[in-house]
């Protein structure tokens, strides 16, 4: 997923453990998309932490699978 931000673009990659942690959506990627559309920060660490913490919350505080999130900010030159 790529998100446009003020200084460029954010590239966000999540493992299946993160994507599949939410069972309320029929399309597993939609909860991540919805979450990212409402994020008000461009800090890559905060975004990664938010995604992992939300995925753990989806499992009622238990990580049911390995969870990896990579967030990279690509600056305009």
C-alpha atoms as a PDB file:
ATOM      1  CA  UNK A   1       0.000   0.000   0.000  1.00  0.00           C
ATOM      2  CA  UNK A   2       1.241   3.501  -0.807  1.00  0.00           C
ATOM      3  CA  UNK A   3      -0.053   6.533   1.063  1.00  0.00           C
ATOM      4  CA  UNK A   4       0.577  10.069  -0.159  1.00  0.00           C
ATOM      5  CA  UNK A   5       1.897  12.333   2.591  1.00  0.00           C
ATOM      6  CA  UNK A   6       3.028  15.949   2.824  1.00  0.00           C
ATOM      7  CA  UNK A   7       6.692  15.357   1.971  1.00  0.00           C
ATOM      8  CA  UNK A   8       6.333  12.454  -0.463  1.00  0.00           C
ATOM      9  CA  UNK A   9       4.908   8.978  -0.174  1.00  0.00           C
ATOM     10  CA  UNK A  10       4.755   6.298   2.485  1.00  0.00           C
ATOM     11  CA  UNK A  11       5.227   2.689   1.449  1.00  0.00           C
ATOM     12  CA  UNK A  12       3.654   0.282   3.925  1.00  0.00           C
ATOM     13  CA  UNK A  13       4.070  -3.480   3.905  1.00  0.00           C
ATOM     14  CA  UNK A  14       2.406  -5.835   6.395  1.00  0.00           C
ATOM     15  CA  UNK A  15       2.784  -9.545   6.945  1.00  0.00           C
ATOM     16  CA  UNK A  16      -0.236 -11.834   6.778  1.00  0.00           C
ATOM     17  CA  UNK A  17      -0.255 -12.007  10.579  1.00  0.00           C
ATOM     18  CA  UNK A  18      -1.177  -8.318  10.671  1.00  0.00           C
ATOM     19  CA  UNK A  19      -3.589  -8.380   7.722  1.00  0.00           C
ATOM     20  CA  UNK A  20      -5.494 -11.468   8.887  1.00  0.00           C
ATOM     21  CA  UNK A  21      -5.734 -10.399  12.542  1.00  0.00           C
ATOM     22  CA  UNK A  22      -9.093  -8.688  12.015  1.00  0.00           C
ATOM     23  CA  UNK A  23     -11.944 -11.132  11.455  1.00  0.00           C
ATOM     24  CA  UNK A  24     -14.726  -8.520  11.248  1.00  0.00           C
ATOM     25  CA  UNK A  25     -14.026  -7.599   7.604  1.00  0.00           C
ATOM     26  CA  UNK A  26     -14.755  -9.962   4.731  1.00  0.00           C
ATOM     27  CA  UNK A  27     -11.806  -8.489   2.826  1.00  0.00           C
ATOM     28  CA  UNK A  28      -8.867  -8.738   5.227  1.00  0.00           C
ATOM     29  CA  UNK A  29      -6.991  -5.726   3.778  1.00  0.00           C
ATOM     30  CA  UNK A  30      -9.874  -3.292   4.317  1.00  0.00           C
ATOM     31  CA  UNK A  31      -9.296  -2.722   8.030  1.00  0.00           C
ATOM     32  CA  UNK A  32      -5.693  -1.703   7.332  1.00  0.00           C
ATOM     33  CA  UNK A  33      -6.823   0.614   4.527  1.00  0.00           C
ATOM     34  CA  UNK A  34      -9.468   2.197   6.764  1.00  0.00           C
ATOM     35  CA  UNK A  35      -6.958   2.665   9.587  1.00  0.00           C
ATOM     36  CA  UNK A  36      -4.334   4.227   7.317  1.00  0.00           C
ATOM     37  CA  UNK A  37      -6.828   6.636   5.737  1.00  0.00           C
ATOM     38  CA  UNK A  38      -7.502   8.125   9.178  1.00  0.00           C
ATOM     39  CA  UNK A  39      -3.914   8.336  10.455  1.00  0.00           C
ATOM     40  CA  UNK A  40      -2.820  11.881  11.214  1.00  0.00           C
ATOM     41  CA  UNK A  41       0.915  11.275  11.508  1.00  0.00           C
ATOM     42  CA  UNK A  42       3.655  10.746   8.949  1.00  0.00           C
ATOM     43  CA  UNK A  43       6.109   9.369  11.516  1.00  0.00           C
ATOM     44  CA  UNK A  44       7.065   5.945  10.172  1.00  0.00           C
ATOM     45  CA  UNK A  45       7.726   4.405  13.597  1.00  0.00           C
ATOM     46  CA  UNK A  46       4.398   5.604  14.985  1.00  0.00           C
ATOM     47  CA  UNK A  47       2.555   4.191  11.963  1.00  0.00           C
ATOM     48  CA  UNK A  48       4.300   0.809  12.294  1.00  0.00           C
ATOM     49  CA  UNK A  49       3.609   0.708  16.048  1.00  0.00           C
ATOM     50  CA  UNK A  50      -0.026   1.655  15.508  1.00  0.00           C
ATOM     51  CA  UNK A  51      -0.562  -1.122  12.964  1.00  0.00           C
ATOM     52  CA  UNK A  52       1.089  -3.803  15.106  1.00  0.00           C
ATOM     53  CA  UNK A  53      -0.709  -2.679  18.266  1.00  0.00           C
ATOM     54  CA  UNK A  54      -4.062  -2.616  16.472  1.00  0.00           C
ATOM     55  CA  UNK A  55      -3.398  -6.106  15.083  1.00  0.00           C
ATOM     56  CA  UNK A  56      -2.639  -7.375  18.597  1.00  0.00           C
ATOM     57  CA  UNK A  57      -5.796  -5.667  19.881  1.00  0.00           C
ATOM     58  CA  UNK A  58      -7.737  -7.522  17.165  1.00  0.00           C
ATOM     59  CA  UNK A  59      -6.622 -10.741  18.865  1.00  0.00           C
ATOM     60  CA  UNK A  60      -7.827  -9.457  22.264  1.00  0.00           C
ATOM     61  CA  UNK A  61      -4.277  -8.684  23.333  1.00  0.00           C
ATOM     62  CA  UNK A  62      -2.711 -11.849  21.959  1.00  0.00           C
ATOM     63  CA  UNK A  63      -0.596 -11.963  18.805  1.00  0.00           C
ATOM     64  CA  UNK A  64      -1.978 -15.088  17.126  1.00  0.00           C
ATOM     65  CA  UNK A  65       0.707 -15.124  14.419  1.00  0.00           C
ATOM     66  CA  UNK A  66       4.007 -13.425  13.679  1.00  0.00           C
ATOM     67  CA  UNK A  67       3.448  -9.767  12.808  1.00  0.00           C
ATOM     68  CA  UNK A  68       5.751  -7.585  10.753  1.00  0.00           C
ATOM     69  CA  UNK A  69       5.178  -4.055   9.477  1.00  0.00           C
ATOM     70  CA  UNK A  70       7.574  -2.084   7.290  1.00  0.00           C
ATOM     71  CA  UNK A  71       6.956   1.626   6.743  1.00  0.00           C
ATOM     72  CA  UNK A  72       9.256   3.665   4.490  1.00  0.00           C
ATOM     73  CA  UNK A  73       8.977   7.334   3.637  1.00  0.00           C
ATOM     74  CA  UNK A  74      10.068   8.328   0.140  1.00  0.00           C
ATOM     75  CA  UNK A  75      10.948  12.012   0.024  1.00  0.00           C
ATOM     76  CA  UNK A  76      10.519  14.131  -3.082  1.00  0.00           C
ATOM     77  CA  UNK A  77      13.818  15.352  -4.467  1.00  0.00           C
END
